[in-house]
Amino acid sequence: MTIREARCACGQLRIACSGEPVSVSLCHCRDCQRRTGSAYGVAAFFGREAIAVSGRFSDYERPADSGHHVLHHFCPTCGSTVFWEPSRKPEMVAVAIGAFADPDFPGPSKAVFEQHRLPWATVQLAEP
């Protein structure tokens, strides 16, 4: 079984993910733009039973555009958001794919909140 490890910039916060992600999604919402400092955020969703977290983290909860809440977990030392828990999918944990720093990581197969996509931000989605 494949085990991938995501980590924050300083390496203090790590999350080991077993198996393949259930899905990989690109989000164009304004909150993901602000959270990442980029045009969008990309998350790999794993079943809660497939992850193991090590290290300290702080939390930030915010309402999502969907009306549900999202609980973000970030490193208190370097500030990297490594993973989060969407209340609309309580069985899943989302992990920032950039935290894997793996050029072979599967790409997103769907995009959400495209009404907020920056006009120049184009991506090619992977086959589902």
Protein backbone atom coordinates (compact mmCIF):
# COMPACT_ATOMS: atom_id res chain seq x y z
CA MET A 1 0.00 0.00 0.00
CA THR A 2 1.24 3.47 -0.89
CA ILE A 3 1.94 5.81 2.02
CA ARG A 4 2.50 9.46 1.21
CA GLU A 5 3.64 12.06 3.70
CA ALA A 6 2.61 15.71 3.59
CA ARG A 7 4.33 18.24 5.81
CA CYS A 8 4.49 21.91 6.61
CA ALA A 9 7.34 24.15 5.42
CA CYS A 10 9.41 23.66 8.60
CA GLY A 11 8.68 19.90 8.85
CA GLN A 12 7.24 19.98 12.35
CA LEU A 13 3.66 19.03 11.29
CA ARG A 14 3.26 15.88 9.21
CA ILE A 15 0.39 13.77 7.99
CA ALA A 16 0.88 10.26 6.59
CA CYS A 17 -1.81 9.18 4.14
CA SER A 18 -2.32 5.53 3.25
CA GLY A 19 -3.53 4.47 -0.17
CA GLU A 20 -4.77 6.64 -3.00
CA PRO A 21 -6.88 9.73 -2.37
CA VAL A 22 -10.63 9.24 -2.69
CA SER A 23 -10.69 12.42 -4.79
CA VAL A 24 -8.55 15.42 -5.68
CA SER A 25 -10.38 18.70 -6.08
CA LEU A 26 -9.39 22.20 -7.14
CA CYS A 27 -11.27 25.04 -5.42
CA HIS A 28 -11.55 28.57 -6.82
CA CYS A 29 -13.45 30.04 -3.85
CA ARG A 30 -12.25 33.36 -2.45
CA ASP A 31 -11.38 31.76 0.91
CA CYS A 32 -9.05 29.23 -0.75
CA GLN A 33 -7.47 32.06 -2.73
CA ARG A 34 -6.82 33.95 0.52
CA ARG A 35 -5.71 30.83 2.45
CA THR A 36 -3.17 29.79 -0.17
CA GLY A 37 -2.14 33.21 -1.43
CA SER A 38 -2.69 31.78 -4.90
CA ALA A 39 -5.42 31.58 -7.53
CA TYR A 40 -6.94 28.42 -6.03
CA GLY A 41 -6.45 25.62 -3.53
CA VAL A 42 -6.08 21.93 -4.34
CA ALA A 43 -7.06 19.24 -1.85
CA ALA A 44 -6.63 15.48 -1.79
CA PHE A 45 -9.43 13.85 0.19
CA PHE A 46 -8.60 10.76 2.25
CA GLY A 47 -10.83 8.69 4.49
CA ARG A 48 -10.29 9.58 8.14
CA GLU A 49 -9.02 6.03 8.81
CA ALA A 50 -6.27 6.45 6.19
CA ILE A 51 -4.41 9.31 7.90
CA ALA A 52 -1.99 9.66 10.82
CA VAL A 53 -1.00 13.12 12.09
CA SER A 54 2.18 13.91 13.99
CA GLY A 55 3.33 17.23 15.36
CA ARG A 56 1.56 20.24 16.81
CA PHE A 57 -1.06 22.27 14.99
CA SER A 58 -3.34 25.21 15.57
CA ASP A 59 -6.88 25.48 14.26
CA TYR A 60 -8.89 28.03 12.35
CA GLU A 61 -12.59 27.39 11.66
CA ARG A 62 -14.47 29.33 9.02
CA PRO A 63 -17.84 29.15 7.29
CA ALA A 64 -17.60 27.81 3.75
CA ASP A 65 -19.43 29.14 0.71
CA SER A 66 -21.56 25.99 0.93
CA GLY A 67 -22.91 27.08 4.32
CA HIS A 68 -21.00 24.36 6.18
CA HIS A 69 -17.88 24.93 8.25
CA VAL A 70 -14.27 24.01 7.55
CA LEU A 71 -11.74 23.39 10.32
CA HIS A 72 -8.22 24.20 9.06
CA HIS A 73 -5.13 22.84 10.79
CA PHE A 74 -1.88 24.72 10.38
CA CYS A 75 1.62 24.64 11.82
CA PRO A 76 1.99 27.11 14.71
CA THR A 77 5.68 27.57 13.84
CA CYS A 78 5.70 28.25 10.08
CA GLY A 79 1.98 28.86 9.44
CA SER A 80 1.54 26.29 6.63
CA THR A 81 -1.99 24.95 6.27
CA VAL A 82 -1.45 21.20 5.89
CA PHE A 83 -4.91 19.66 6.30
CA TRP A 84 -8.52 20.50 7.04
CA GLU A 85 -11.83 18.91 7.92
CA PRO A 86 -14.92 19.91 5.94
CA SER A 87 -18.06 19.49 8.09
CA ARG A 88 -20.07 18.54 4.98
CA LYS A 89 -17.83 15.46 4.62
CA PRO A 90 -17.19 14.33 8.22
CA GLU A 91 -15.71 11.01 7.08
CA MET A 92 -12.99 12.79 5.05
CA VAL A 93 -9.84 14.78 5.73
CA ALA A 94 -8.52 17.13 3.05
CA VAL A 95 -4.77 17.50 2.62
CA ALA A 96 -3.11 20.31 0.65
CA ILE A 97 -1.45 18.56 -2.27
CA GLY A 98 1.41 21.07 -2.27
CA ALA A 99 2.34 19.79 1.19
CA PHE A 100 3.26 16.45 -0.40
CA ALA A 101 5.83 18.17 -2.66
CA ASP A 102 5.44 15.20 -5.02
CA PRO A 103 5.53 15.91 -8.78
CA ASP A 104 3.82 12.55 -9.40
CA PHE A 105 0.85 13.27 -7.13
CA PRO A 106 -2.48 12.74 -8.95
CA GLY A 107 -3.96 15.95 -10.32
CA PRO A 108 -7.44 17.27 -9.61
CA SER A 109 -10.32 15.61 -11.46
CA LYS A 110 -12.85 18.31 -10.61
CA ALA A 111 -13.03 22.03 -9.95
CA VAL A 112 -15.50 23.82 -7.70
CA PHE A 113 -16.60 27.46 -7.29
CA GLU A 114 -15.54 28.20 -10.85
CA GLN A 115 -17.60 31.39 -10.76
CA HIS A 116 -14.70 32.82 -8.70
CA ARG A 117 -11.97 31.57 -11.04
CA LEU A 118 -9.49 34.27 -11.96
CA PRO A 119 -9.77 34.72 -15.76
CA TRP A 120 -6.12 33.85 -16.39
CA ALA A 121 -6.11 30.77 -14.10
CA THR A 122 -6.63 27.82 -16.40
CA VAL A 123 -5.96 24.19 -15.51
CA GLN A 124 -6.29 20.86 -17.21
CA LEU A 125 -8.26 18.46 -15.02
CA ALA A 126 -7.18 14.84 -14.74
CA GLU A 127 -9.46 12.06 -15.85
CA PRO A 128 -11.62 10.84 -12.92
